[in-house]
Amino acid sequence: MEGEEGGEGRKERKERKERKERKERKERKEERIVSLFKVMMRKEELNVGSERGDFRC
């Protein structure tokens, strides 16, 4: 019986670790999107009046 309880503890720790890793990956993905957006906006500001500067779809 005690072996089963220990197994549950490991399983719970593993699930908690996986949730934490998924959250961190999501945050990094959001940071990349924001930084890409900032770069695109900066390029658009530099290319005002130029046809190449239009990033809108």
N, C-alpha and C. Protein backbone atom coordinates (compact mmCIF):
# COMPACT_ATOMS: atom_id res chain seq x y z
N MET A 1 0.81 -1.21 0.00
CA MET A 1 0.00 0.00 0.00
C MET A 1 0.86 1.27 0.00
N GLU A 2 1.90 1.29 0.81
CA GLU A 2 2.74 2.49 0.88
C GLU A 2 3.42 2.77 -0.44
N GLY A 3 3.76 1.72 -1.18
CA GLY A 3 4.38 1.89 -2.49
C GLY A 3 3.48 2.63 -3.44
N GLU A 4 2.18 2.34 -3.38
CA GLU A 4 1.23 3.02 -4.25
C GLU A 4 1.15 4.51 -3.92
N GLU A 5 1.13 4.83 -2.62
CA GLU A 5 1.06 6.24 -2.23
C GLU A 5 2.30 6.99 -2.70
N GLY A 6 3.47 6.35 -2.59
CA GLY A 6 4.69 6.98 -3.07
C GLY A 6 4.64 7.20 -4.57
N GLY A 7 4.05 6.26 -5.29
CA GLY A 7 3.89 6.39 -6.73
C GLY A 7 3.01 7.57 -7.10
N GLU A 8 1.95 7.75 -6.33
CA GLU A 8 1.06 8.89 -6.58
C GLU A 8 1.81 10.21 -6.36
N GLY A 9 2.65 10.25 -5.33
CA GLY A 9 3.41 11.47 -5.06
C GLY A 9 4.33 11.82 -6.23
N ARG A 10 4.99 10.82 -6.77
CA ARG A 10 5.87 11.06 -7.93
C ARG A 10 5.05 11.52 -9.13
N LYS A 11 3.90 10.89 -9.31
CA LYS A 11 3.04 11.26 -10.45
C LYS A 11 2.58 12.71 -10.32
N GLU A 12 2.19 13.08 -9.11
CA GLU A 12 1.73 14.46 -8.89
C GLU A 12 2.86 15.45 -9.11
N ARG A 13 4.06 15.12 -8.62
CA ARG A 13 5.21 16.03 -8.84
C ARG A 13 5.50 16.16 -10.33
N LYS A 14 5.42 15.05 -11.05
CA LYS A 14 5.68 15.08 -12.49
C LYS A 14 4.65 15.95 -13.20
N GLU A 15 3.38 15.79 -12.83
CA GLU A 15 2.33 16.61 -13.45
C GLU A 15 2.52 18.08 -13.14
N ARG A 16 2.89 18.40 -11.88
CA ARG A 16 3.13 19.78 -11.49
C ARG A 16 4.28 20.37 -12.30
N LYS A 17 5.34 19.58 -12.47
CA LYS A 17 6.51 20.03 -13.24
C LYS A 17 6.12 20.28 -14.69
N GLU A 18 5.31 19.37 -15.26
CA GLU A 18 4.88 19.54 -16.66
C GLU A 18 4.02 20.78 -16.82
N ARG A 19 3.11 21.03 -15.87
CA ARG A 19 2.28 22.24 -15.96
C ARG A 19 3.14 23.49 -15.90
N LYS A 20 4.14 23.48 -15.02
CA LYS A 20 5.05 24.63 -14.89
C LYS A 20 5.81 24.86 -16.20
N GLU A 21 6.30 23.75 -16.80
CA GLU A 21 7.04 23.88 -18.06
C GLU A 21 6.15 24.40 -19.18
N ARG A 22 4.90 23.93 -19.24
CA ARG A 22 3.97 24.42 -20.27
C ARG A 22 3.71 25.91 -20.09
N LYS A 23 3.54 26.34 -18.83
CA LYS A 23 3.31 27.75 -18.55
C LYS A 23 4.51 28.59 -18.99
N GLU A 24 5.72 28.11 -18.67
CA GLU A 24 6.93 28.85 -19.06
C GLU A 24 7.07 28.92 -20.57
N ARG A 25 6.77 27.81 -21.27
CA ARG A 25 6.84 27.84 -22.74
C ARG A 25 5.85 28.84 -23.31
N LYS A 26 4.64 28.88 -22.74
CA LYS A 26 3.62 29.82 -23.21
C LYS A 26 4.10 31.26 -23.01
N GLU A 27 4.69 31.53 -21.83
CA GLU A 27 5.19 32.88 -21.56
C GLU A 27 6.29 33.27 -22.52
N ARG A 28 7.22 32.35 -22.81
CA ARG A 28 8.30 32.65 -23.75
C ARG A 28 7.73 32.90 -25.14
N LYS A 29 6.72 32.12 -25.54
CA LYS A 29 6.10 32.30 -26.85
C LYS A 29 5.47 33.69 -26.93
N GLU A 30 4.77 34.10 -25.87
CA GLU A 30 4.15 35.42 -25.86
C GLU A 30 5.21 36.52 -25.94
N GLU A 31 6.33 36.33 -25.24
CA GLU A 31 7.41 37.33 -25.29
C GLU A 31 7.99 37.44 -26.69
N ARG A 32 8.13 36.30 -27.38
CA ARG A 32 8.65 36.34 -28.76
C ARG A 32 7.69 37.08 -29.67
N ILE A 33 6.39 36.84 -29.50
CA ILE A 33 5.39 37.51 -30.33
C ILE A 33 5.44 39.02 -30.11
N VAL A 34 5.53 39.42 -28.84
CA VAL A 34 5.57 40.85 -28.52
C VAL A 34 6.82 41.50 -29.11
N SER A 35 7.97 40.83 -28.97
CA SER A 35 9.20 41.42 -29.49
C SER A 35 9.16 41.49 -31.02
N LEU A 36 8.60 40.48 -31.67
CA LEU A 36 8.46 40.52 -33.13
C LEU A 36 7.55 41.67 -33.54
N PHE A 37 6.45 41.85 -32.82
CA PHE A 37 5.53 42.94 -33.13
C PHE A 37 6.23 44.29 -32.99
N LYS A 38 7.03 44.44 -31.92
CA LYS A 38 7.76 45.70 -31.72
C LYS A 38 8.74 45.95 -32.86
N VAL A 39 9.42 44.92 -33.31
CA VAL A 39 10.37 45.07 -34.42
C VAL A 39 9.62 45.50 -35.68
N MET A 40 8.48 44.87 -35.93
CA MET A 40 7.72 45.22 -37.13
C MET A 40 7.22 46.66 -37.05
N MET A 41 6.76 47.08 -35.87
CA MET A 41 6.30 48.46 -35.73
C MET A 41 7.46 49.44 -35.92
N ARG A 42 8.62 49.10 -35.41
CA ARG A 42 9.79 49.97 -35.57
C ARG A 42 10.15 50.10 -37.04
N LYS A 43 10.13 48.97 -37.76
CA LYS A 43 10.44 49.01 -39.19
C LYS A 43 9.42 49.88 -39.92
N GLU A 44 8.15 49.74 -39.54
CA GLU A 44 7.11 50.53 -40.19
C GLU A 44 7.33 52.02 -39.93
N GLU A 45 7.72 52.37 -38.71
CA GLU A 45 7.99 53.78 -38.39
C GLU A 45 9.16 54.30 -39.22
N LEU A 46 10.18 53.48 -39.43
CA LEU A 46 11.35 53.91 -40.20
C LEU A 46 11.02 54.06 -41.69
N ASN A 47 10.05 53.29 -42.15
CA ASN A 47 9.73 53.29 -43.57
C ASN A 47 8.46 54.09 -43.89
N VAL A 48 8.12 55.05 -43.07
CA VAL A 48 6.93 55.86 -43.32
C VAL A 48 7.08 56.55 -44.67
N GLY A 49 6.02 56.47 -45.46
CA GLY A 49 6.06 57.07 -46.79
C GLY A 49 6.60 56.12 -47.84
N SER A 50 7.11 54.99 -47.44
CA SER A 50 7.66 54.01 -48.36
C SER A 50 6.67 52.87 -48.54
N GLU A 51 6.55 52.34 -49.72
CA GLU A 51 5.62 51.24 -49.96
C GLU A 51 6.08 49.97 -49.26
N ARG A 52 7.38 49.80 -49.08
CA ARG A 52 7.90 48.60 -48.42
C ARG A 52 7.54 48.56 -46.95
N GLY A 53 7.22 49.68 -46.34
CA GLY A 53 6.96 49.74 -44.91
C GLY A 53 5.59 49.27 -44.49
N ASP A 54 4.74 48.91 -45.42
CA ASP A 54 3.37 48.52 -45.08
C ASP A 54 3.33 47.04 -44.71
N PHE A 55 3.20 46.74 -43.42
CA PHE A 55 3.17 45.36 -42.96
C PHE A 55 1.76 44.85 -42.75
N ARG A 56 0.78 45.69 -42.95
CA ARG A 56 -0.61 45.26 -42.72
C ARG A 56 -1.04 44.27 -43.79
N CYS A 57 -1.84 43.30 -43.36
CA CYS A 57 -2.32 42.27 -44.29
C CYS A 57 -3.70 42.61 -44.80
